[in-house]
């Protein structure tokens, strides 16, 4: 396997060196002095030949329009949420309360044990 840098247009890959020029000519893209333009150069040329507006850019909306759009998007996202039923909510809440109670007991036991150990060691 050969290590290449730059163009991958090699006869081994099935894309001979001159094949790109033929594709560019067939697509009708302009070339400078017989040299095929790169993708970036073609994109830049298309952008410059277009109208004064940049394609794909919209005019910036006013402040209140943007605030309204923001809240409409929030409401649309909240409609997608799958809300739990009352029984699921009670189940989830009880699991959290039990877990927190167990953790409080564990930390309180460790704290009491370390306090007794430190009083025993240091008097």
C-alpha atoms as a PDB file:
ATOM      1  CA  UNK A   1       0.000   0.000   0.000  1.00  0.00           C
ATOM      2  CA  UNK A   2       1.432   3.372  -0.958  1.00  0.00           C
ATOM      3  CA  UNK A   3       1.163   6.476   1.169  1.00  0.00           C
ATOM      4  CA  UNK A   4       0.044   9.523  -0.789  1.00  0.00           C
ATOM      5  CA  UNK A   5      -0.335  13.151   0.062  1.00  0.00           C
ATOM      6  CA  UNK A   6      -2.438  15.545  -1.931  1.00  0.00           C
ATOM      7  CA  UNK A   7      -4.477  14.271  -4.851  1.00  0.00           C
ATOM      8  CA  UNK A   8      -5.843  10.748  -4.825  1.00  0.00           C
ATOM      9  CA  UNK A   9      -6.306  10.758  -8.600  1.00  0.00           C
ATOM     10  CA  UNK A  10      -4.041   7.880  -9.541  1.00  0.00           C
ATOM     11  CA  UNK A  11      -4.313   5.245 -12.238  1.00  0.00           C
ATOM     12  CA  UNK A  12      -4.506   2.590  -9.481  1.00  0.00           C
ATOM     13  CA  UNK A  13      -7.624   4.175  -8.005  1.00  0.00           C
ATOM     14  CA  UNK A  14      -9.403   4.110 -11.353  1.00  0.00           C
ATOM     15  CA  UNK A  15      -9.276   7.895 -11.730  1.00  0.00           C
ATOM     16  CA  UNK A  16      -6.476   8.815 -14.137  1.00  0.00           C
ATOM     17  CA  UNK A  17      -4.794  12.211 -13.890  1.00  0.00           C
ATOM     18  CA  UNK A  18      -6.651  13.763 -16.826  1.00  0.00           C
ATOM     19  CA  UNK A  19     -10.106  12.483 -15.867  1.00  0.00           C
ATOM     20  CA  UNK A  20     -10.925  15.445 -13.617  1.00  0.00           C
ATOM     21  CA  UNK A  21     -10.412  17.914 -16.485  1.00  0.00           C
ATOM     22  CA  UNK A  22     -12.851  15.994 -18.652  1.00  0.00           C
ATOM     23  CA  UNK A  23     -15.475  16.029 -15.881  1.00  0.00           C
ATOM     24  CA  UNK A  24     -15.067  19.780 -15.365  1.00  0.00           C
ATOM     25  CA  UNK A  25     -15.398  20.437 -19.091  1.00  0.00           C
ATOM     26  CA  UNK A  26     -18.464  18.203 -19.302  1.00  0.00           C
ATOM     27  CA  UNK A  27     -20.082  20.055 -16.393  1.00  0.00           C
ATOM     28  CA  UNK A  28     -19.446  23.361 -18.111  1.00  0.00           C
ATOM     29  CA  UNK A  29     -17.280  24.850 -15.401  1.00  0.00           C
ATOM     30  CA  UNK A  30     -14.828  27.557 -16.348  1.00  0.00           C
ATOM     31  CA  UNK A  31     -11.140  26.929 -16.242  1.00  0.00           C
ATOM     32  CA  UNK A  32      -8.302  29.412 -16.131  1.00  0.00           C
ATOM     33  CA  UNK A  33      -5.784  28.917 -18.917  1.00  0.00           C
ATOM     34  CA  UNK A  34      -6.820  25.322 -19.570  1.00  0.00           C
ATOM     35  CA  UNK A  35      -6.278  24.461 -15.870  1.00  0.00           C
ATOM     36  CA  UNK A  36      -9.259  22.927 -14.062  1.00  0.00           C
ATOM     37  CA  UNK A  37     -10.562  24.878 -11.109  1.00  0.00           C
ATOM     38  CA  UNK A  38     -10.660  23.278  -7.690  1.00  0.00           C
ATOM     39  CA  UNK A  39     -13.952  22.840  -5.881  1.00  0.00           C
ATOM     40  CA  UNK A  40     -13.186  25.835  -3.662  1.00  0.00           C
ATOM     41  CA  UNK A  41     -12.390  28.041  -6.674  1.00  0.00           C
ATOM     42  CA  UNK A  42     -15.577  26.961  -8.480  1.00  0.00           C
ATOM     43  CA  UNK A  43     -17.621  27.703  -5.368  1.00  0.00           C
ATOM     44  CA  UNK A  44     -16.015  31.130  -4.992  1.00  0.00           C
ATOM     45  CA  UNK A  45     -16.622  31.893  -8.697  1.00  0.00           C
ATOM     46  CA  UNK A  46     -20.284  30.901  -8.421  1.00  0.00           C
ATOM     47  CA  UNK A  47     -20.696  33.061  -5.327  1.00  0.00           C
ATOM     48  CA  UNK A  48     -19.129  36.087  -7.028  1.00  0.00           C
ATOM     49  CA  UNK A  49     -21.144  35.690 -10.230  1.00  0.00           C
ATOM     50  CA  UNK A  50     -24.429  35.571  -8.300  1.00  0.00           C
ATOM     51  CA  UNK A  51     -26.559  38.469  -7.166  1.00  0.00           C
ATOM     52  CA  UNK A  52     -25.476  40.949  -4.509  1.00  0.00           C
ATOM     53  CA  UNK A  53     -27.127  38.859  -1.812  1.00  0.00           C
ATOM     54  CA  UNK A  54     -25.215  36.004  -0.248  1.00  0.00           C
ATOM     55  CA  UNK A  55     -27.138  32.813  -0.992  1.00  0.00           C
ATOM     56  CA  UNK A  56     -28.604  31.047   2.009  1.00  0.00           C
ATOM     57  CA  UNK A  57     -28.520  34.133   4.257  1.00  0.00           C
ATOM     58  CA  UNK A  58     -31.709  35.775   5.437  1.00  0.00           C
ATOM     59  CA  UNK A  59     -32.116  39.324   6.605  1.00  0.00           C
ATOM     60  CA  UNK A  60     -31.828  39.631  10.379  1.00  0.00           C
ATOM     61  CA  UNK A  61     -35.276  39.709  11.954  1.00  0.00           C
ATOM     62  CA  UNK A  62     -36.255  42.364  14.472  1.00  0.00           C
ATOM     63  CA  UNK A  63     -35.935  41.924  18.229  1.00  0.00           C
ATOM     64  CA  UNK A  64     -39.594  41.073  18.867  1.00  0.00           C
ATOM     65  CA  UNK A  65     -39.706  38.698  15.904  1.00  0.00           C
ATOM     66  CA  UNK A  66     -36.690  36.806  17.275  1.00  0.00           C
ATOM     67  CA  UNK A  67     -38.223  36.660  20.774  1.00  0.00           C
ATOM     68  CA  UNK A  68     -41.497  35.355  19.294  1.00  0.00           C
ATOM     69  CA  UNK A  69     -39.634  32.740  17.252  1.00  0.00           C
ATOM     70  CA  UNK A  70     -37.729  31.659  20.375  1.00  0.00           C
ATOM     71  CA  UNK A  71     -40.927  31.066  22.357  1.00  0.00           C
ATOM     72  CA  UNK A  72     -42.624  29.303  19.432  1.00  0.00           C
ATOM     73  CA  UNK A  73     -39.659  26.941  19.224  1.00  0.00           C
ATOM     74  CA  UNK A  74     -39.836  26.297  22.988  1.00  0.00           C
ATOM     75  CA  UNK A  75     -43.529  25.407  22.742  1.00  0.00           C
ATOM     76  CA  UNK A  76     -42.880  23.164  19.725  1.00  0.00           C
ATOM     77  CA  UNK A  77     -40.158  21.292  21.646  1.00  0.00           C
ATOM     78  CA  UNK A  78     -42.357  20.928  24.747  1.00  0.00           C
ATOM     79  CA  UNK A  79     -45.064  19.332  22.585  1.00  0.00           C
ATOM     80  CA  UNK A  80     -42.576  16.620  21.633  1.00  0.00           C
ATOM     81  CA  UNK A  81     -41.961  15.666  25.274  1.00  0.00           C
ATOM     82  CA  UNK A  82     -43.480  12.393  26.447  1.00  0.00           C
ATOM     83  CA  UNK A  83     -44.945  13.375  29.804  1.00  0.00           C
ATOM     84  CA  UNK A  84     -45.212  10.655  32.501  1.00  0.00           C
ATOM     85  CA  UNK A  85     -48.585   9.517  33.756  1.00  0.00           C
ATOM     86  CA  UNK A  86     -49.597  10.156  37.373  1.00  0.00           C
ATOM     87  CA  UNK A  87     -48.730   6.601  38.439  1.00  0.00           C
ATOM     88  CA  UNK A  88     -45.322   6.768  36.696  1.00  0.00           C
ATOM     89  CA  UNK A  89     -44.623  10.124  38.354  1.00  0.00           C
ATOM     90  CA  UNK A  90     -45.490   8.727  41.805  1.00  0.00           C
ATOM     91  CA  UNK A  91     -43.288   5.682  41.140  1.00  0.00           C
ATOM     92  CA  UNK A  92     -40.316   7.821  40.018  1.00  0.00           C
ATOM     93  CA  UNK A  93     -40.752  10.158  42.996  1.00  0.00           C
ATOM     94  CA  UNK A  94     -40.836   7.302  45.499  1.00  0.00           C
ATOM     95  CA  UNK A  95     -37.696   5.754  43.981  1.00  0.00           C
ATOM     96  CA  UNK A  96     -35.850   9.075  44.310  1.00  0.00           C
ATOM     97  CA  UNK A  97     -37.008   9.627  47.914  1.00  0.00           C
ATOM     98  CA  UNK A  98     -35.954   6.096  48.934  1.00  0.00           C
ATOM     99  CA  UNK A  99     -32.573   6.482  47.220  1.00  0.00           C
ATOM    100  CA  UNK A 100     -31.939   9.824  48.943  1.00  0.00           C
ATOM    101  CA  UNK A 101     -32.944   8.351  52.336  1.00  0.00           C
ATOM    102  CA  UNK A 102     -30.533   5.419  51.852  1.00  0.00           C
ATOM    103  CA  UNK A 103     -27.697   7.783  50.877  1.00  0.00           C
ATOM    104  CA  UNK A 104     -28.402  10.027  53.899  1.00  0.00           C
ATOM    105  CA  UNK A 105     -28.249   6.967  56.162  1.00  0.00           C
ATOM    106  CA  UNK A 106     -24.984   5.793  54.576  1.00  0.00           C
ATOM    107  CA  UNK A 107     -23.295   9.197  54.881  1.00  0.00           C
ATOM    108  CA  UNK A 108     -24.586   9.682  58.451  1.00  0.00           C
ATOM    109  CA  UNK A 109     -23.266   6.237  59.457  1.00  0.00           C
ATOM    110  CA  UNK A 110     -19.845   6.916  57.922  1.00  0.00           C
ATOM    111  CA  UNK A 111     -19.726  10.363  59.573  1.00  0.00           C
ATOM    112  CA  UNK A 112     -20.616   8.889  62.982  1.00  0.00           C
ATOM    113  CA  UNK A 113     -18.025   6.102  62.526  1.00  0.00           C
ATOM    114  CA  UNK A 114     -15.234   8.531  61.533  1.00  0.00           C
ATOM    115  CA  UNK A 115     -16.126  10.803  64.473  1.00  0.00           C
ATOM    116  CA  UNK A 116     -15.897   7.871  66.937  1.00  0.00           C
ATOM    117  CA  UNK A 117     -12.607   6.736  65.346  1.00  0.00           C
ATOM    118  CA  UNK A 118     -11.070  10.203  65.561  1.00  0.00           C
ATOM    119  CA  UNK A 119     -12.155  10.581  69.236  1.00  0.00           C
ATOM    120  CA  UNK A 120     -10.670   7.147  69.993  1.00  0.00           C
ATOM    121  CA  UNK A 121      -7.359   7.975  68.210  1.00  0.00           C
ATOM    122  CA  UNK A 122      -6.906  11.582  69.387  1.00  0.00           C
ATOM    123  CA  UNK A 123      -8.715  11.348  72.743  1.00  0.00           C
END
